[in-house]
Amino acid sequence: MYIDLVVVVLILLLVIFLFRKFSSFVYALAIIDIFLRIMYFLRVKVPLKELGNIFPDNVPTILDKYTDGILLDILLWAYVFIYACFLVYITNYFIHKKK
């Protein structure tokens, strides 16, 4: 039913509540999305019945499953913006990394 959406929202709310930084939210969303993409890859490449359809493909799939129209477009653009912030955070980390 709505289990995948509820789990993702609860994890993100927990991160926001505990860390209270936008960067923590960005990292958490990226971690969740990367994890879901790895699980999707394993589900496709390793035919184990235990993996089944437990995990959705990625975060945009969850958004597409529960919304449509203008709201979906807004959420997907927010998703792209968050990934752009993630790219900036990761790039800054590698540029300013101490040797």
N, C-alpha and C. Protein backbone atom coordinates (compact mmCIF):
# COMPACT_ATOMS: atom_id res chain seq x y z
N MET A 1 0.84 -1.18 0.00
CA MET A 1 0.00 0.00 0.00
C MET A 1 0.89 1.25 0.00
N TYR A 2 0.93 1.99 1.07
CA TYR A 2 1.74 3.21 1.14
C TYR A 2 3.01 2.99 1.94
N ILE A 3 3.40 1.76 2.16
CA ILE A 3 4.53 1.45 3.03
C ILE A 3 5.82 2.09 2.55
N ASP A 4 6.10 2.05 1.25
CA ASP A 4 7.35 2.63 0.74
C ASP A 4 7.40 4.14 0.94
N LEU A 5 6.29 4.80 0.70
CA LEU A 5 6.23 6.25 0.90
C LEU A 5 6.37 6.61 2.38
N VAL A 6 5.70 5.87 3.23
CA VAL A 6 5.75 6.14 4.67
C VAL A 6 7.16 5.95 5.21
N VAL A 7 7.85 4.89 4.79
CA VAL A 7 9.20 4.63 5.27
C VAL A 7 10.15 5.75 4.85
N VAL A 8 10.10 6.16 3.60
CA VAL A 8 10.99 7.22 3.12
C VAL A 8 10.70 8.54 3.84
N VAL A 9 9.43 8.89 3.99
CA VAL A 9 9.08 10.13 4.68
C VAL A 9 9.51 10.09 6.14
N LEU A 10 9.30 8.96 6.82
CA LEU A 10 9.72 8.85 8.22
C LEU A 10 11.23 8.98 8.38
N ILE A 11 11.99 8.37 7.49
CA ILE A 11 13.45 8.48 7.56
C ILE A 11 13.87 9.93 7.36
N LEU A 12 13.30 10.60 6.37
CA LEU A 12 13.66 11.99 6.11
C LEU A 12 13.25 12.90 7.27
N LEU A 13 12.07 12.67 7.84
CA LEU A 13 11.65 13.47 8.99
C LEU A 13 12.54 13.23 10.19
N LEU A 14 12.96 12.00 10.40
CA LEU A 14 13.87 11.68 11.49
C LEU A 14 15.21 12.40 11.31
N VAL A 15 15.71 12.41 10.10
CA VAL A 15 16.98 13.11 9.82
C VAL A 15 16.82 14.61 10.06
N ILE A 16 15.73 15.18 9.59
CA ILE A 16 15.50 16.62 9.81
C ILE A 16 15.37 16.92 11.29
N PHE A 17 14.65 16.09 12.03
CA PHE A 17 14.45 16.31 13.45
C PHE A 17 15.76 16.18 14.24
N LEU A 18 16.59 15.20 13.88
CA LEU A 18 17.81 14.96 14.64
C LEU A 18 18.94 15.93 14.28
N PHE A 19 19.11 16.24 13.00
CA PHE A 19 20.27 17.02 12.58
C PHE A 19 19.94 18.48 12.26
N ARG A 20 18.73 18.78 11.86
CA ARG A 20 18.24 20.13 11.64
C ARG A 20 19.07 20.94 10.63
N LYS A 21 19.65 20.28 9.66
CA LYS A 21 20.41 20.96 8.62
C LYS A 21 19.89 20.52 7.26
N PHE A 22 19.91 21.47 6.32
CA PHE A 22 19.49 21.13 4.96
C PHE A 22 20.44 20.12 4.34
N SER A 23 21.73 20.24 4.65
CA SER A 23 22.70 19.31 4.08
C SER A 23 22.44 17.88 4.56
N SER A 24 22.00 17.71 5.78
CA SER A 24 21.68 16.37 6.28
C SER A 24 20.50 15.77 5.52
N PHE A 25 19.51 16.61 5.23
CA PHE A 25 18.37 16.16 4.43
C PHE A 25 18.82 15.74 3.03
N VAL A 26 19.70 16.53 2.43
CA VAL A 26 20.19 16.23 1.08
C VAL A 26 20.96 14.91 1.08
N TYR A 27 21.86 14.74 2.05
CA TYR A 27 22.61 13.49 2.14
C TYR A 27 21.69 12.30 2.38
N ALA A 28 20.70 12.45 3.25
CA ALA A 28 19.79 11.34 3.54
C ALA A 28 19.00 10.94 2.30
N LEU A 29 18.49 11.92 1.56
CA LEU A 29 17.74 11.60 0.35
C LEU A 29 18.63 10.91 -0.68
N ALA A 30 19.86 11.37 -0.81
CA ALA A 30 20.78 10.74 -1.76
C ALA A 30 21.12 9.32 -1.33
N ILE A 31 21.33 9.12 -0.03
CA ILE A 31 21.62 7.77 0.47
C ILE A 31 20.45 6.83 0.22
N ILE A 32 19.24 7.29 0.48
CA ILE A 32 18.05 6.45 0.25
C ILE A 32 17.94 6.11 -1.23
N ASP A 33 18.11 7.10 -2.09
CA ASP A 33 17.97 6.87 -3.53
C ASP A 33 19.06 5.93 -4.06
N ILE A 34 20.29 6.12 -3.62
CA ILE A 34 21.37 5.24 -4.06
C ILE A 34 21.13 3.82 -3.57
N PHE A 35 20.68 3.67 -2.33
CA PHE A 35 20.36 2.34 -1.79
C PHE A 35 19.28 1.66 -2.62
N LEU A 36 18.21 2.41 -2.96
CA LEU A 36 17.13 1.84 -3.75
C LEU A 36 17.60 1.44 -5.14
N ARG A 37 18.49 2.23 -5.73
CA ARG A 37 19.01 1.89 -7.05
C ARG A 37 19.89 0.64 -7.00
N ILE A 38 20.67 0.49 -5.93
CA ILE A 38 21.48 -0.73 -5.77
C ILE A 38 20.57 -1.94 -5.60
N MET A 39 19.53 -1.82 -4.80
CA MET A 39 18.60 -2.93 -4.61
C MET A 39 17.89 -3.28 -5.91
N TYR A 40 17.54 -2.28 -6.71
CA TYR A 40 16.92 -2.53 -8.01
C TYR A 40 17.88 -3.29 -8.92
N PHE A 41 19.14 -2.85 -8.96
CA PHE A 41 20.14 -3.53 -9.77
C PHE A 41 20.29 -4.99 -9.35
N LEU A 42 20.36 -5.23 -8.04
CA LEU A 42 20.48 -6.61 -7.55
C LEU A 42 19.25 -7.44 -7.89
N ARG A 43 18.07 -6.81 -7.80
CA ARG A 43 16.83 -7.53 -8.12
C ARG A 43 16.81 -7.94 -9.58
N VAL A 44 17.33 -7.09 -10.46
CA VAL A 44 17.34 -7.39 -11.89
C VAL A 44 18.43 -8.38 -12.25
N LYS A 45 19.62 -8.22 -11.69
CA LYS A 45 20.77 -9.04 -12.08
C LYS A 45 20.91 -10.35 -11.32
N VAL A 46 20.40 -10.40 -10.10
CA VAL A 46 20.48 -11.62 -9.29
C VAL A 46 19.06 -12.11 -9.07
N PRO A 47 18.67 -13.15 -9.79
CA PRO A 47 17.27 -13.60 -9.71
C PRO A 47 16.96 -14.38 -8.42
N LEU A 48 16.91 -13.68 -7.30
CA LEU A 48 16.54 -14.31 -6.04
C LEU A 48 15.09 -13.95 -5.71
N LYS A 49 14.34 -14.94 -5.32
CA LYS A 49 12.94 -14.69 -4.99
C LYS A 49 12.81 -13.88 -3.70
N GLU A 50 13.84 -13.93 -2.84
CA GLU A 50 13.78 -13.20 -1.57
C GLU A 50 13.78 -11.69 -1.80
N LEU A 51 14.48 -11.25 -2.87
CA LEU A 51 14.51 -9.81 -3.14
C LEU A 51 13.16 -9.33 -3.64
N GLY A 52 12.56 -10.10 -4.54
CA GLY A 52 11.22 -9.80 -5.03
C GLY A 52 11.00 -8.34 -5.34
N ASN A 53 9.85 -7.83 -4.98
CA ASN A 53 9.51 -6.42 -5.18
C ASN A 53 9.38 -5.71 -3.84
N ILE A 54 10.29 -6.02 -2.94
CA ILE A 54 10.24 -5.41 -1.60
C ILE A 54 10.54 -3.92 -1.70
N PHE A 55 11.56 -3.56 -2.49
CA PHE A 55 11.99 -2.17 -2.58
C PHE A 55 11.53 -1.57 -3.90
N PRO A 56 11.12 -0.29 -3.88
CA PRO A 56 10.82 0.38 -5.15
C PRO A 56 12.11 0.65 -5.91
N ASP A 57 12.00 1.03 -7.17
CA ASP A 57 13.18 1.24 -8.01
C ASP A 57 14.03 2.41 -7.53
N ASN A 58 13.42 3.56 -7.28
CA ASN A 58 14.12 4.75 -6.84
C ASN A 58 13.11 5.76 -6.31
N VAL A 59 13.57 6.91 -5.85
CA VAL A 59 12.67 7.91 -5.28
C VAL A 59 11.71 8.48 -6.32
N PRO A 60 12.14 8.80 -7.56
CA PRO A 60 11.14 9.28 -8.53
C PRO A 60 10.03 8.26 -8.82
N THR A 61 10.33 6.98 -8.72
CA THR A 61 9.29 5.96 -8.90
C THR A 61 8.24 6.06 -7.79
N ILE A 62 8.69 6.31 -6.57
CA ILE A 62 7.76 6.48 -5.45
C ILE A 62 6.90 7.72 -5.68
N LEU A 63 7.54 8.82 -6.10
CA LEU A 63 6.79 10.04 -6.37
C LEU A 63 5.77 9.83 -7.48
N ASP A 64 6.17 9.14 -8.54
CA ASP A 64 5.28 8.90 -9.67
C ASP A 64 4.12 7.99 -9.29
N LYS A 65 4.36 7.11 -8.34
CA LYS A 65 3.33 6.15 -7.93
C LYS A 65 2.18 6.83 -7.18
N TYR A 66 2.50 7.87 -6.41
CA TYR A 66 1.49 8.47 -5.54
C TYR A 66 1.03 9.86 -5.96
N THR A 67 1.67 10.48 -6.96
CA THR A 67 1.23 11.80 -7.42
C THR A 67 1.19 11.83 -8.94
N ASP A 68 0.58 12.87 -9.46
CA ASP A 68 0.58 13.07 -10.91
C ASP A 68 0.36 14.54 -11.21
N GLY A 69 0.51 14.89 -12.46
CA GLY A 69 0.24 16.26 -12.91
C GLY A 69 1.28 17.26 -12.44
N ILE A 70 0.79 18.44 -12.10
CA ILE A 70 1.66 19.55 -11.70
C ILE A 70 2.42 19.23 -10.42
N LEU A 71 1.77 18.57 -9.47
CA LEU A 71 2.44 18.23 -8.21
C LEU A 71 3.64 17.32 -8.47
N LEU A 72 3.49 16.37 -9.36
CA LEU A 72 4.61 15.48 -9.70
C LEU A 72 5.74 16.27 -10.34
N ASP A 73 5.41 17.21 -11.24
CA ASP A 73 6.45 18.03 -11.86
C ASP A 73 7.20 18.86 -10.82
N ILE A 74 6.47 19.44 -9.89
CA ILE A 74 7.10 20.24 -8.83
C ILE A 74 8.01 19.38 -7.97
N LEU A 75 7.53 18.21 -7.59
CA LEU A 75 8.33 17.31 -6.75
C LEU A 75 9.56 16.80 -7.49
N LEU A 76 9.43 16.50 -8.76
CA LEU A 76 10.59 16.04 -9.53
C LEU A 76 11.62 17.15 -9.72
N TRP A 77 11.17 18.40 -9.91
CA TRP A 77 12.12 19.50 -9.99
C TRP A 77 12.80 19.73 -8.64
N ALA A 78 12.06 19.56 -7.55
CA ALA A 78 12.67 19.66 -6.22
C ALA A 78 13.71 18.55 -6.04
N TYR A 79 13.40 17.36 -6.53
CA TYR A 79 14.32 16.23 -6.48
C TYR A 79 15.60 16.55 -7.25
N VAL A 80 15.47 17.13 -8.44
CA VAL A 80 16.64 17.52 -9.23
C VAL A 80 17.44 18.59 -8.51
N PHE A 81 16.77 19.56 -7.90
CA PHE A 81 17.45 20.60 -7.13
C PHE A 81 18.22 19.99 -5.96
N ILE A 82 17.62 19.04 -5.26
CA ILE A 82 18.30 18.40 -4.13
C ILE A 82 19.51 17.62 -4.61
N TYR A 83 19.41 16.95 -5.74
CA TYR A 83 20.57 16.24 -6.27
C TYR A 83 21.65 17.22 -6.74
N ALA A 84 21.26 18.39 -7.23
CA ALA A 84 22.26 19.40 -7.59
C ALA A 84 22.98 19.89 -6.33
N CYS A 85 22.23 20.07 -5.25
CA CYS A 85 22.87 20.43 -3.97
C CYS A 85 23.80 19.33 -3.50
N PHE A 86 23.40 18.09 -3.66
CA PHE A 86 24.26 16.96 -3.29
C PHE A 86 25.55 16.99 -4.11
N LEU A 87 25.44 17.28 -5.39
CA LEU A 87 26.62 17.38 -6.24
C LEU A 87 27.55 18.49 -5.77
N VAL A 88 26.99 19.63 -5.38
CA VAL A 88 27.80 20.74 -4.86
C VAL A 88 28.49 20.34 -3.57
N TYR A 89 27.76 19.69 -2.64
CA TYR A 89 28.36 19.27 -1.37
C TYR A 89 29.50 18.28 -1.60
N ILE A 90 29.29 17.32 -2.47
CA ILE A 90 30.33 16.32 -2.74
C ILE A 90 31.54 16.96 -3.44
N THR A 91 31.28 17.85 -4.38
CA THR A 91 32.38 18.53 -5.07
C THR A 91 33.18 19.39 -4.11
N ASN A 92 32.50 20.15 -3.25
CA ASN A 92 33.21 20.95 -2.24
C ASN A 92 34.03 20.08 -1.31
N TYR A 93 33.52 18.95 -0.94
CA TYR A 93 34.27 18.05 -0.07
C TYR A 93 35.59 17.61 -0.74
N PHE A 94 35.52 17.24 -2.00
CA PHE A 94 36.73 16.79 -2.68
C PHE A 94 37.69 17.93 -2.99
N ILE A 95 37.18 19.11 -3.23
CA ILE A 95 38.06 20.26 -3.51
C ILE A 95 38.79 20.69 -2.24
N HIS A 96 38.08 20.73 -1.12
CA HIS A 96 38.65 21.22 0.14
C HIS A 96 39.21 20.12 1.02
N LYS A 97 39.32 18.94 0.50
CA LYS A 97 39.85 17.82 1.29
C LYS A 97 41.32 18.07 1.61
N LYS A 98 41.66 17.86 2.86
CA LYS A 98 43.06 18.06 3.29
C LYS A 98 43.89 16.87 2.84
N LYS A 99 45.14 17.17 2.48
CA LYS A 99 46.04 16.09 2.04
C LYS A 99 46.93 15.66 3.16
